Amino acid sequence: MLLRGTGPLVMCLARKLLTRVPAELREAINADRLALVTPFVDGPRRPDARMTAHRNRLVAALAERVVVIHASPGGMVERLCGEAVNWGVPVVAPDHPGNEHLTALGVELAG
């Protein structure tokens, strides 16, 4: 859905960089709209929770804005939202009853 827009995007890969980039991603990369990033050069095929949290923090810290679709209360994404807000990075989530708990962290709910 985000690739249909015109804004710049960063896609955080859970593993090392792709060896074959799908055509829809390649188009956005060639148009300088998409950057693929990963902190994993070599490593396990499936990163563990610690590595995933490290990757998410890295990207959130570098982001102009973080958009979160959903964050479970007490979960890793909720903690990341709070950290990003504390760093001064705006965090936005859909205005949905399942996201109301995020407002206490400073997350903006948008329609």
PDB file of N, CA and C in Angstrom:
ATOM      1  N   MET A   1       0.823  -1.175   0.000  1.00  0.00           N
ATOM      2  CA  MET A   1       0.000   0.000   0.000  1.00  0.00           C
ATOM      3  C   MET A   1       0.881   1.257   0.000  1.00  0.00           C
ATOM      4  N   LEU A   2       1.919   1.282   0.820  1.00  0.00           N
ATOM      5  CA  LEU A   2       2.775   2.461   0.898  1.00  0.00           C
ATOM      6  C   LEU A   2       3.539   2.703  -0.395  1.00  0.00           C
ATOM      7  N   LEU A   3       3.831   1.650  -1.131  1.00  0.00           N
ATOM      8  CA  LEU A   3       4.548   1.811  -2.398  1.00  0.00           C
ATOM      9  C   LEU A   3       3.708   2.533  -3.436  1.00  0.00           C
ATOM     10  N   ARG A   4       2.391   2.527  -3.291  1.00  0.00           N
ATOM     11  CA  ARG A   4       1.521   3.234  -4.234  1.00  0.00           C
ATOM     12  C   ARG A   4       1.590   4.743  -4.057  1.00  0.00           C
ATOM     13  N   GLY A   5       2.055   5.195  -2.898  1.00  0.00           N
ATOM     14  CA  GLY A   5       2.178   6.628  -2.647  1.00  0.00           C
ATOM     15  C   GLY A   5       3.389   7.210  -3.341  1.00  0.00           C
ATOM     16  N   THR A   6       3.714   8.444  -2.974  1.00  0.00           N
ATOM     17  CA  THR A   6       4.850   9.119  -3.608  1.00  0.00           C
ATOM     18  C   THR A   6       5.954   9.469  -2.618  1.00  0.00           C
ATOM     19  N   GLY A   7       5.718   9.243  -1.348  1.00  0.00           N
ATOM     20  CA  GLY A   7       6.699   9.615  -0.335  1.00  0.00           C
ATOM     21  C   GLY A   7       7.840   8.627  -0.232  1.00  0.00           C
ATOM     22  N   PRO A   8       8.929   9.062   0.388  1.00  0.00           N
ATOM     23  CA  PRO A   8      10.079   8.174   0.573  1.00  0.00           C
ATOM     24  C   PRO A   8       9.786   7.132   1.654  1.00  0.00           C
ATOM     25  N   LEU A   9      10.351   5.940   1.471  1.00  0.00           N
ATOM     26  CA  LEU A   9      10.128   4.840   2.396  1.00  0.00           C
ATOM     27  C   LEU A   9      11.436   4.163   2.755  1.00  0.00           C
ATOM     28  N   VAL A  10      11.481   3.609   3.946  1.00  0.00           N
ATOM     29  CA  VAL A  10      12.588   2.759   4.364  1.00  0.00           C
ATOM     30  C   VAL A  10      11.973   1.426   4.763  1.00  0.00           C
ATOM     31  N   MET A  11      12.470   0.355   4.178  1.00  0.00           N
ATOM     32  CA  MET A  11      11.995  -0.979   4.523  1.00  0.00           C
ATOM     33  C   MET A  11      13.091  -1.675   5.326  1.00  0.00           C
ATOM     34  N   CYS A  12      12.728  -2.036   6.553  1.00  0.00           N
ATOM     35  CA  CYS A  12      13.659  -2.708   7.458  1.00  0.00           C
ATOM     36  C   CYS A  12      13.527  -4.193   7.295  1.00  0.00           C
ATOM     37  N   LEU A  13      14.568  -4.817   6.861  1.00  0.00           N
ATOM     38  CA  LEU A  13      14.536  -6.254   6.657  1.00  0.00           C
ATOM     39  C   LEU A  13      14.888  -6.979   7.945  1.00  0.00           C
ATOM     40  N   ALA A  14      14.202  -8.069   8.190  1.00  0.00           N
ATOM     41  CA  ALA A  14      14.449  -8.853   9.400  1.00  0.00           C
ATOM     42  C   ALA A  14      15.679  -9.738   9.253  1.00  0.00           C
ATOM     43  N   ARG A  15      16.227  -9.789   8.054  1.00  0.00           N
ATOM     44  CA  ARG A  15      17.400 -10.622   7.765  1.00  0.00           C
ATOM     45  C   ARG A  15      18.401  -9.796   6.986  1.00  0.00           C
ATOM     46  N   LYS A  16      19.409 -10.489   6.445  1.00  0.00           N
ATOM     47  CA  LYS A  16      20.377  -9.776   5.615  1.00  0.00           C
ATOM     48  C   LYS A  16      19.701  -9.333   4.324  1.00  0.00           C
ATOM     49  N   LEU A  17      20.347  -8.477   3.553  1.00  0.00           N
ATOM     50  CA  LEU A  17      19.762  -7.924   2.333  1.00  0.00           C
ATOM     51  C   LEU A  17      19.333  -9.016   1.365  1.00  0.00           C
ATOM     52  N   LEU A  18      18.326  -8.704   0.587  1.00  0.00           N
ATOM     53  CA  LEU A  18      17.785  -9.651  -0.389  1.00  0.00           C
ATOM     54  C   LEU A  18      18.787  -9.923  -1.499  1.00  0.00           C
ATOM     55  N   THR A  19      18.821 -11.158  -1.956  1.00  0.00           N
ATOM     56  CA  THR A  19      19.664 -11.474  -3.107  1.00  0.00           C
ATOM     57  C   THR A  19      18.920 -11.179  -4.404  1.00  0.00           C
ATOM     58  N   ARG A  20      17.602 -11.329  -4.387  1.00  0.00           N
ATOM     59  CA  ARG A  20      16.763 -10.970  -5.537  1.00  0.00           C
ATOM     60  C   ARG A  20      15.710  -9.990  -5.052  1.00  0.00           C
ATOM     61  N   VAL A  21      15.708  -8.799  -5.615  1.00  0.00           N
ATOM     62  CA  VAL A  21      14.758  -7.770  -5.212  1.00  0.00           C
ATOM     63  C   VAL A  21      13.520  -7.878  -6.109  1.00  0.00           C
ATOM     64  N   PRO A  22      12.324  -8.018  -5.525  1.00  0.00           N
ATOM     65  CA  PRO A  22      11.103  -8.097  -6.325  1.00  0.00           C
ATOM     66  C   PRO A  22      10.921  -6.838  -7.188  1.00  0.00           C
ATOM     67  N   ALA A  23      10.286  -6.999  -8.339  1.00  0.00           N
ATOM     68  CA  ALA A  23      10.128  -5.905  -9.313  1.00  0.00           C
ATOM     69  C   ALA A  23       9.480  -4.667  -8.699  1.00  0.00           C
ATOM     70  N   GLU A  24       8.426  -4.849  -7.874  1.00  0.00           N
ATOM     71  CA  GLU A  24       7.739  -3.678  -7.303  1.00  0.00           C
ATOM     72  C   GLU A  24       8.645  -2.895  -6.368  1.00  0.00           C
ATOM     73  N   LEU A  25       9.561  -3.578  -5.689  1.00  0.00           N
ATOM     74  CA  LEU A  25      10.520  -2.875  -4.839  1.00  0.00           C
ATOM     75  C   LEU A  25      11.611  -2.231  -5.689  1.00  0.00           C
ATOM     76  N   ARG A  26      12.047  -2.925  -6.715  1.00  0.00           N
ATOM     77  CA  ARG A  26      13.102  -2.412  -7.594  1.00  0.00           C
ATOM     78  C   ARG A  26      12.683  -1.095  -8.245  1.00  0.00           C
ATOM     79  N   GLU A  27      11.412  -0.990  -8.651  1.00  0.00           N
ATOM     80  CA  GLU A  27      10.899   0.249  -9.249  1.00  0.00           C
ATOM     81  C   GLU A  27      11.034   1.415  -8.269  1.00  0.00           C
ATOM     82  N   ALA A  28      10.633   1.200  -7.031  1.00  0.00           N
ATOM     83  CA  ALA A  28      10.715   2.256  -6.021  1.00  0.00           C
ATOM     84  C   ALA A  28      12.168   2.593  -5.693  1.00  0.00           C
ATOM     85  N   ILE A  29      13.045   1.605  -5.673  1.00  0.00           N
ATOM     86  CA  ILE A  29      14.468   1.851  -5.422  1.00  0.00           C
ATOM     87  C   ILE A  29      15.054   2.686  -6.544  1.00  0.00           C
ATOM     88  N   ASN A  30      14.753   2.323  -7.781  1.00  0.00           N
ATOM     89  CA  ASN A  30      15.274   3.061  -8.939  1.00  0.00           C
ATOM     90  C   ASN A  30      14.752   4.492  -8.998  1.00  0.00           C
ATOM     91  N   ALA A  31      13.571   4.730  -8.431  1.00  0.00           N
ATOM     92  CA  ALA A  31      12.994   6.080  -8.391  1.00  0.00           C
ATOM     93  C   ALA A  31      13.470   6.851  -7.155  1.00  0.00           C
ATOM     94  N   ASP A  32      14.432   6.296  -6.415  1.00  0.00           N
ATOM     95  CA  ASP A  32      14.960   6.917  -5.189  1.00  0.00           C
ATOM     96  C   ASP A  32      13.878   7.169  -4.150  1.00  0.00           C
ATOM     97  N   ARG A  33      12.884   6.282  -4.083  1.00  0.00           N
ATOM     98  CA  ARG A  33      11.812   6.395  -3.104  1.00  0.00           C
ATOM     99  C   ARG A  33      11.924   5.370  -1.992  1.00  0.00           C
ATOM    100  N   LEU A  34      12.740   4.334  -2.198  1.00  0.00           N
ATOM    101  CA  LEU A  34      12.799   3.245  -1.235  1.00  0.00           C
ATOM    102  C   LEU A  34      14.241   2.893  -0.911  1.00  0.00           C
ATOM    103  N   ALA A  35      14.507   2.758   0.378  1.00  0.00           N
ATOM    104  CA  ALA A  35      15.812   2.267   0.833  1.00  0.00           C
ATOM    105  C   ALA A  35      15.564   0.975   1.604  1.00  0.00           C
ATOM    106  N   LEU A  36      16.329  -0.038   1.290  1.00  0.00           N
ATOM    107  CA  LEU A  36      16.288  -1.292   2.035  1.00  0.00           C
ATOM    108  C   LEU A  36      17.441  -1.273   3.019  1.00  0.00           C
ATOM    109  N   VAL A  37      17.141  -1.482   4.300  1.00  0.00           N
ATOM    110  CA  VAL A  37      18.193  -1.466   5.305  1.00  0.00           C
ATOM    111  C   VAL A  37      18.095  -2.696   6.193  1.00  0.00           C
ATOM    112  N   THR A  38      19.242  -3.086   6.705  1.00  0.00           N
ATOM    113  CA  THR A  38      19.315  -4.137   7.699  1.00  0.00           C
ATOM    114  C   THR A  38      20.636  -3.997   8.443  1.00  0.00           C
ATOM    115  N   PRO A  39      20.632  -4.199   9.750  1.00  0.00           N
ATOM    116  CA  PRO A  39      21.905  -4.191  10.470  1.00  0.00           C
ATOM    117  C   PRO A  39      22.602  -5.546  10.401  1.00  0.00           C
ATOM    118  N   PHE A  40      21.997  -6.501   9.712  1.00  0.00           N
ATOM    119  CA  PHE A  40      22.525  -7.855   9.656  1.00  0.00           C
ATOM    120  C   PHE A  40      23.256  -8.091   8.339  1.00  0.00           C
ATOM    121  N   VAL A  41      24.561  -8.271   8.408  1.00  0.00           N
ATOM    122  CA  VAL A  41      25.342  -8.574   7.217  1.00  0.00           C
ATOM    123  C   VAL A  41      25.427 -10.086   7.085  1.00  0.00           C
ATOM    124  N   ASP A  42      25.997 -10.695   8.057  1.00  0.00           N
ATOM    125  CA  ASP A  42      26.035 -12.151   8.133  1.00  0.00           C
ATOM    126  C   ASP A  42      25.368 -12.513   9.439  1.00  0.00           C
ATOM    127  N   GLY A  43      24.782 -13.626   9.473  1.00  0.00           N
ATOM    128  CA  GLY A  43      24.155 -14.018  10.720  1.00  0.00           C
ATOM    129  C   GLY A  43      23.159 -15.116  10.502  1.00  0.00           C
ATOM    130  N   PRO A  44      22.396 -15.385  11.548  1.00  0.00           N
ATOM    131  CA  PRO A  44      21.441 -16.478  11.458  1.00  0.00           C
ATOM    132  C   PRO A  44      20.344 -16.178  10.438  1.00  0.00           C
ATOM    133  N   ARG A  45      19.780 -17.218   9.917  1.00  0.00           N
ATOM    134  CA  ARG A  45      18.686 -17.049   8.967  1.00  0.00           C
ATOM    135  C   ARG A  45      17.495 -16.368   9.620  1.00  0.00           C
ATOM    136  N   ARG A  46      17.269 -16.673  10.856  1.00  0.00           N
ATOM    137  CA  ARG A  46      16.145 -16.079  11.588  1.00  0.00           C
ATOM    138  C   ARG A  46      16.682 -15.339  12.818  1.00  0.00           C
ATOM    139  N   PRO A  47      16.626 -14.018  12.797  1.00  0.00           N
ATOM    140  CA  PRO A  47      17.104 -13.262  13.955  1.00  0.00           C
ATOM    141  C   PRO A  47      16.245 -13.538  15.196  1.00  0.00           C
ATOM    142  N   ASP A  48      16.856 -13.422  16.360  1.00  0.00           N
ATOM    143  CA  ASP A  48      16.104 -13.607  17.595  1.00  0.00           C
ATOM    144  C   ASP A  48      15.498 -12.274  18.029  1.00  0.00           C
ATOM    145  N   ALA A  49      14.762 -12.294  19.128  1.00  0.00           N
ATOM    146  CA  ALA A  49      14.062 -11.093  19.605  1.00  0.00           C
ATOM    147  C   ALA A  49      15.026  -9.957  19.920  1.00  0.00           C
ATOM    148  N   ARG A  50      16.207 -10.282  20.449  1.00  0.00           N
ATOM    149  CA  ARG A  50      17.201  -9.245  20.768  1.00  0.00           C
ATOM    150  C   ARG A  50      17.670  -8.546  19.504  1.00  0.00           C
ATOM    151  N   MET A  51      17.953  -9.318  18.462  1.00  0.00           N
ATOM    152  CA  MET A  51      18.414  -8.734  17.202  1.00  0.00           C
ATOM    153  C   MET A  51      17.311  -7.905  16.536  1.00  0.00           C
ATOM    154  N   THR A  52      16.089  -8.384  16.628  1.00  0.00           N
ATOM    155  CA  THR A  52      14.960  -7.658  16.045  1.00  0.00           C
ATOM    156  C   THR A  52      14.758  -6.328  16.763  1.00  0.00           C
ATOM    157  N   ALA A  53      14.850  -6.328  18.084  1.00  0.00           N
ATOM    158  CA  ALA A  53      14.710  -5.082  18.850  1.00  0.00           C
ATOM    159  C   ALA A  53      15.817  -4.103  18.483  1.00  0.00           C
ATOM    160  N   HIS A  54      17.029  -4.590  18.299  1.00  0.00           N
ATOM    161  CA  HIS A  54      18.157  -3.742  17.890  1.00  0.00           C
ATOM    162  C   HIS A  54      17.873  -3.109  16.538  1.00  0.00           C
ATOM    163  N   ARG A  55      17.418  -3.899  15.582  1.00  0.00           N
ATOM    164  CA  ARG A  55      17.106  -3.380  14.254  1.00  0.00           C
ATOM    165  C   ARG A  55      16.020  -2.312  14.327  1.00  0.00           C
ATOM    166  N   ASN A  56      14.956  -2.581  15.069  1.00  0.00           N
ATOM    167  CA  ASN A  56      13.848  -1.627  15.166  1.00  0.00           C
ATOM    168  C   ASN A  56      14.282  -0.321  15.817  1.00  0.00           C
ATOM    169  N   ARG A  57      15.126  -0.400  16.850  1.00  0.00           N
ATOM    170  CA  ARG A  57      15.629   0.820  17.492  1.00  0.00           C
ATOM    171  C   ARG A  57      16.475   1.643  16.528  1.00  0.00           C
ATOM    172  N   LEU A  58      17.321   0.968  15.779  1.00  0.00           N
ATOM    173  CA  LEU A  58      18.180   1.654  14.816  1.00  0.00           C
ATOM    174  C   LEU A  58      17.338   2.441  13.817  1.00  0.00           C
ATOM    175  N   VAL A  59      16.362   1.820  13.252  1.00  0.00           N
ATOM    176  CA  VAL A  59      15.540   2.478  12.242  1.00  0.00           C
ATOM    177  C   VAL A  59      14.692   3.587  12.859  1.00  0.00           C
ATOM    178  N   ALA A  60      14.112   3.345  14.018  1.00  0.00           N
ATOM    179  CA  ALA A  60      13.297   4.379  14.665  1.00  0.00           C
ATOM    180  C   ALA A  60      14.142   5.602  15.014  1.00  0.00           C
ATOM    181  N   ALA A  61      15.357   5.374  15.455  1.00  0.00           N
ATOM    182  CA  ALA A  61      16.244   6.491  15.818  1.00  0.00           C
ATOM    183  C   ALA A  61      16.609   7.333  14.608  1.00  0.00           C
ATOM    184  N   LEU A  62      16.669   6.727  13.437  1.00  0.00           N
ATOM    185  CA  LEU A  62      17.040   7.445  12.217  1.00  0.00           C
ATOM    186  C   LEU A  62      15.834   8.026  11.482  1.00  0.00           C
ATOM    187  N   ALA A  63      14.645   7.646  11.886  1.00  0.00           N
ATOM    188  CA  ALA A  63      13.425   8.025  11.162  1.00  0.00           C
ATOM    189  C   ALA A  63      13.025   9.469  11.413  1.00  0.00           C
ATOM    190  N   GLU A  64      12.382  10.036  10.416  1.00  0.00           N
ATOM    191  CA  GLU A  64      11.772  11.360  10.544  1.00  0.00           C
ATOM    192  C   GLU A  64      10.445  11.238  11.285  1.00  0.00           C
ATOM    193  N   ARG A  65       9.768  10.105  11.079  1.00  0.00           N
ATOM    194  CA  ARG A  65       8.491   9.817  11.723  1.00  0.00           C
ATOM    195  C   ARG A  65       8.311   8.300  11.710  1.00  0.00           C
ATOM    196  N   VAL A  66       7.703   7.775  12.761  1.00  0.00           N
ATOM    197  CA  VAL A  66       7.427   6.343  12.848  1.00  0.00           C
ATOM    198  C   VAL A  66       5.915   6.147  12.761  1.00  0.00           C
ATOM    199  N   VAL A  67       5.496   5.259  11.872  1.00  0.00           N
ATOM    200  CA  VAL A  67       4.086   4.915  11.740  1.00  0.00           C
ATOM    201  C   VAL A  67       3.917   3.472  12.215  1.00  0.00           C
ATOM    202  N   VAL A  68       3.047   3.290  13.188  1.00  0.00           N
ATOM    203  CA  VAL A  68       2.793   1.974  13.769  1.00  0.00           C
ATOM    204  C   VAL A  68       1.328   1.637  13.532  1.00  0.00           C
ATOM    205  N   ILE A  69       1.080   0.468  12.998  1.00  0.00           N
ATOM    206  CA  ILE A  69      -0.309   0.058  12.764  1.00  0.00           C
ATOM    207  C   ILE A  69      -0.949  -0.411  14.067  1.00  0.00           C
ATOM    208  N   HIS A  70      -0.230  -1.207  14.831  1.00  0.00           N
ATOM    209  CA  HIS A  70      -0.758  -1.700  16.107  1.00  0.00           C
ATOM    210  C   HIS A  70       0.409  -2.059  17.018  1.00  0.00           C
ATOM    211  N   ALA A  71       0.224  -1.813  18.296  1.00  0.00           N
ATOM    212  CA  ALA A  71       1.210  -2.202  19.311  1.00  0.00           C
ATOM    213  C   ALA A  71       0.450  -2.793  20.489  1.00  0.00           C
ATOM    214  N   SER A  72       0.732  -4.026  20.794  1.00  0.00           N
ATOM    215  CA  SER A  72       0.067  -4.688  21.923  1.00  0.00           C
ATOM    216  C   SER A  72       0.501  -4.051  23.236  1.00  0.00           C
ATOM    217  N   PRO A  73      -0.433  -3.886  24.179  1.00  0.00           N
ATOM    218  CA  PRO A  73      -0.063  -3.339  25.490  1.00  0.00           C
ATOM    219  C   PRO A  73       1.039  -4.182  26.130  1.00  0.00           C
ATOM    220  N   GLY A  74       2.114  -3.522  26.538  1.00  0.00           N
ATOM    221  CA  GLY A  74       3.226  -4.201  27.186  1.00  0.00           C
ATOM    222  C   GLY A  74       4.176  -4.905  26.236  1.00  0.00           C
ATOM    223  N   GLY A  75       3.917  -4.820  24.950  1.00  0.00           N
ATOM    224  CA  GLY A  75       4.739  -5.515  23.966  1.00  0.00           C
ATOM    225  C   GLY A  75       5.954  -4.724  23.504  1.00  0.00           C
ATOM    226  N   MET A  76       6.756  -5.371  22.672  1.00  0.00           N
ATOM    227  CA  MET A  76       7.996  -4.783  22.174  1.00  0.00           C
ATOM    228  C   MET A  76       7.740  -3.522  21.338  1.00  0.00           C
ATOM    229  N   VAL A  77       6.697  -3.532  20.525  1.00  0.00           N
ATOM    230  CA  VAL A  77       6.413  -2.365  19.683  1.00  0.00           C
ATOM    231  C   VAL A  77       5.949  -1.195  20.546  1.00  0.00           C
ATOM    232  N   GLU A  78       5.175  -1.477  21.584  1.00  0.00           N
ATOM    233  CA  GLU A  78       4.754  -0.408  22.493  1.00  0.00           C
ATOM    234  C   GLU A  78       5.977   0.232  23.163  1.00  0.00           C
ATOM    235  N   ARG A  79       6.918  -0.594  23.613  1.00  0.00           N
ATOM    236  CA  ARG A  79       8.138  -0.053  24.229  1.00  0.00           C
ATOM    237  C   ARG A  79       8.920   0.792  23.229  1.00  0.00           C
ATOM    238  N   LEU A  80       8.999   0.337  21.999  1.00  0.00           N
ATOM    239  CA  LEU A  80       9.702   1.095  20.963  1.00  0.00           C
ATOM    240  C   LEU A  80       9.018   2.434  20.713  1.00  0.00           C
ATOM    241  N   CYS A  81       7.705   2.456  20.711  1.00  0.00           N
ATOM    242  CA  CYS A  81       6.967   3.710  20.531  1.00  0.00           C
ATOM    243  C   CYS A  81       7.345   4.713  21.621  1.00  0.00           C
ATOM    244  N   GLY A  82       7.372   4.245  22.859  1.00  0.00           N
ATOM    245  CA  GLY A  82       7.738   5.117  23.971  1.00  0.00           C
ATOM    246  C   GLY A  82       9.159   5.628  23.848  1.00  0.00           C
ATOM    247  N   GLU A  83      10.085   4.764  23.433  1.00  0.00           N
ATOM    248  CA  GLU A  83      11.470   5.192  23.244  1.00  0.00           C
ATOM    249  C   GLU A  83      11.564   6.251  22.152  1.00  0.00           C
ATOM    250  N   ALA A  84      10.907   5.996  21.028  1.00  0.00           N
ATOM    251  CA  ALA A  84      10.970   6.938  19.907  1.00  0.00           C
ATOM    252  C   ALA A  84      10.410   8.299  20.307  1.00  0.00           C
ATOM    253  N   VAL A  85       9.295   8.311  21.010  1.00  0.00           N
ATOM    254  CA  VAL A  85       8.721   9.578  21.473  1.00  0.00           C
ATOM    255  C   VAL A  85       9.715  10.293  22.390  1.00  0.00           C
ATOM    256  N   ASN A  86      10.373   9.561  23.281  1.00  0.00           N
ATOM    257  CA  ASN A  86      11.367  10.158  24.177  1.00  0.00           C
ATOM    258  C   ASN A  86      12.556  10.726  23.422  1.00  0.00           C
ATOM    259  N   TRP A  87      12.894  10.150  22.270  1.00  0.00           N
ATOM    260  CA  TRP A  87      13.993  10.663  21.438  1.00  0.00           C
ATOM    261  C   TRP A  87      13.565  11.889  20.631  1.00  0.00           C
ATOM    262  N   GLY A  88      12.267  12.198  20.657  1.00  0.00           N
ATOM    263  CA  GLY A  88      11.775  13.327  19.873  1.00  0.00           C
ATOM    264  C   GLY A  88      11.306  12.940  18.480  1.00  0.00           C
ATOM    265  N   VAL A  89      11.178  11.650  18.214  1.00  0.00           N
ATOM    266  CA  VAL A  89      10.691  11.185  16.920  1.00  0.00           C
ATOM    267  C   VAL A  89       9.167  11.078  17.003  1.00  0.00           C
ATOM    268  N   PRO A  90       8.432  11.782  16.132  1.00  0.00           N
ATOM    269  CA  PRO A  90       6.970  11.665  16.159  1.00  0.00           C
ATOM    270  C   PRO A  90       6.538  10.235  15.814  1.00  0.00           C
ATOM    271  N   VAL A  91       5.578   9.719  16.573  1.00  0.00           N
ATOM    272  CA  VAL A  91       5.033   8.385  16.331  1.00  0.00           C
ATOM    273  C   VAL A  91       3.533   8.536  16.111  1.00  0.00           C
ATOM    274  N   VAL A  92       3.050   7.919  15.032  1.00  0.00           N
ATOM    275  CA  VAL A  92       1.641   8.009  14.657  1.00  0.00           C
ATOM    276  C   VAL A  92       1.082   6.600  14.517  1.00  0.00           C
ATOM    277  N   ALA A  93      -0.165   6.417  14.968  1.00  0.00           N
ATOM    278  CA  ALA A  93      -0.864   5.136  14.835  1.00  0.00           C
ATOM    279  C   ALA A  93      -2.304   5.427  14.434  1.00  0.00           C
ATOM    280  N   PRO A  94      -2.974   4.461  13.807  1.00  0.00           N
ATOM    281  CA  PRO A  94      -4.383   4.674  13.447  1.00  0.00           C
ATOM    282  C   PRO A  94      -5.249   4.897  14.679  1.00  0.00           C
ATOM    283  N   ASP A  95      -6.234   5.776  14.543  1.00  0.00           N
ATOM    284  CA  ASP A  95      -7.179   6.041  15.624  1.00  0.00           C
ATOM    285  C   ASP A  95      -8.143   4.867  15.702  1.00  0.00           C
ATOM    286  N   HIS A  96      -7.808   3.942  16.587  1.00  0.00           N
ATOM    287  CA  HIS A  96      -8.573   2.706  16.747  1.00  0.00           C
ATOM    288  C   HIS A  96      -8.558   2.365  18.232  1.00  0.00           C
ATOM    289  N   PRO A  97      -9.652   1.818  18.745  1.00  0.00           N
ATOM    290  CA  PRO A  97      -9.685   1.492  20.176  1.00  0.00           C
ATOM    291  C   PRO A  97      -8.511   0.622  20.640  1.00  0.00           C
ATOM    292  N   GLY A  98      -7.992  -0.216  19.770  1.00  0.00           N
ATOM    293  CA  GLY A  98      -6.866  -1.072  20.137  1.00  0.00           C
ATOM    294  C   GLY A  98      -5.562  -0.323  20.306  1.00  0.00           C
ATOM    295  N   ASN A  99      -5.533   0.953  19.910  1.00  0.00           N
ATOM    296  CA  ASN A  99      -4.315   1.758  20.030  1.00  0.00           C
ATOM    297  C   ASN A  99      -4.422   2.862  21.078  1.00  0.00           C
ATOM    298  N   GLU A 100      -5.549   2.967  21.748  1.00  0.00           N
ATOM    299  CA  GLU A 100      -5.751   4.058  22.706  1.00  0.00           C
ATOM    300  C   GLU A 100      -4.698   4.098  23.799  1.00  0.00           C
ATOM    301  N   HIS A 101      -4.181   2.948  24.211  1.00  0.00           N
ATOM    302  CA  HIS A 101      -3.169   2.913  25.272  1.00  0.00           C
ATOM    303  C   HIS A 101      -1.879   3.624  24.856  1.00  0.00           C
ATOM    304  N   LEU A 102      -1.668   3.802  23.561  1.00  0.00           N
ATOM    305  CA  LEU A 102      -0.447   4.444  23.086  1.00  0.00           C
ATOM    306  C   LEU A 102      -0.427   5.947  23.342  1.00  0.00           C
ATOM    307  N   THR A 103      -1.592   6.554  23.506  1.00  0.00           N
ATOM    308  CA  THR A 103      -1.632   8.007  23.731  1.00  0.00           C
ATOM    309  C   THR A 103      -0.910   8.391  25.027  1.00  0.00           C
ATOM    310  N   ALA A 104      -0.915   7.504  26.015  1.00  0.00           N
ATOM    311  CA  ALA A 104      -0.216   7.781  27.268  1.00  0.00           C
ATOM    312  C   ALA A 104       1.295   7.907  27.052  1.00  0.00           C
ATOM    313  N   LEU A 105       1.788   7.334  25.964  1.00  0.00           N
ATOM    314  CA  LEU A 105       3.230   7.402  25.642  1.00  0.00           C
ATOM    315  C   LEU A 105       3.554   8.624  24.795  1.00  0.00           C
ATOM    316  N   GLY A 106       2.527   9.314  24.307  1.00  0.00           N
ATOM    317  CA  GLY A 106       2.764  10.461  23.443  1.00  0.00           C
ATOM    318  C   GLY A 106       2.585  10.151  21.960  1.00  0.00           C
ATOM    319  N   VAL A 107       2.020   8.979  21.661  1.00  0.00           N
ATOM    320  CA  VAL A 107       1.755   8.608  20.269  1.00  0.00           C
ATOM    321  C   VAL A 107       0.515   9.346  19.795  1.00  0.00           C
ATOM    322  N   GLU A 108       0.572   9.889  18.596  1.00  0.00           N
ATOM    323  CA  GLU A 108      -0.576  10.587  18.009  1.00  0.00           C
ATOM    324  C   GLU A 108      -1.442   9.577  17.270  1.00  0.00           C
ATOM    325  N   LEU A 109      -2.741   9.584  17.564  1.00  0.00           N
ATOM    326  CA  LEU A 109      -3.677   8.728  16.834  1.00  0.00           C
ATOM    327  C   LEU A 109      -4.278   9.565  15.712  1.00  0.00           C
ATOM    328  N   ALA A 110      -4.213   9.033  14.509  1.00  0.00           N
ATOM    329  CA  ALA A 110      -4.704   9.767  13.333  1.00  0.00           C
ATOM    330  C   ALA A 110      -5.801   8.959  12.648  1.00  0.00           C
ATOM    331  N   GLY A 111      -6.811   9.671  12.161  1.00  0.00           N
ATOM    332  CA  GLY A 111      -7.973   9.073  11.510  1.00  0.00           C
ATOM    333  C   GLY A 111      -7.634   8.358  10.294  1.00  0.00           C
TER     334      GLY A 111
END
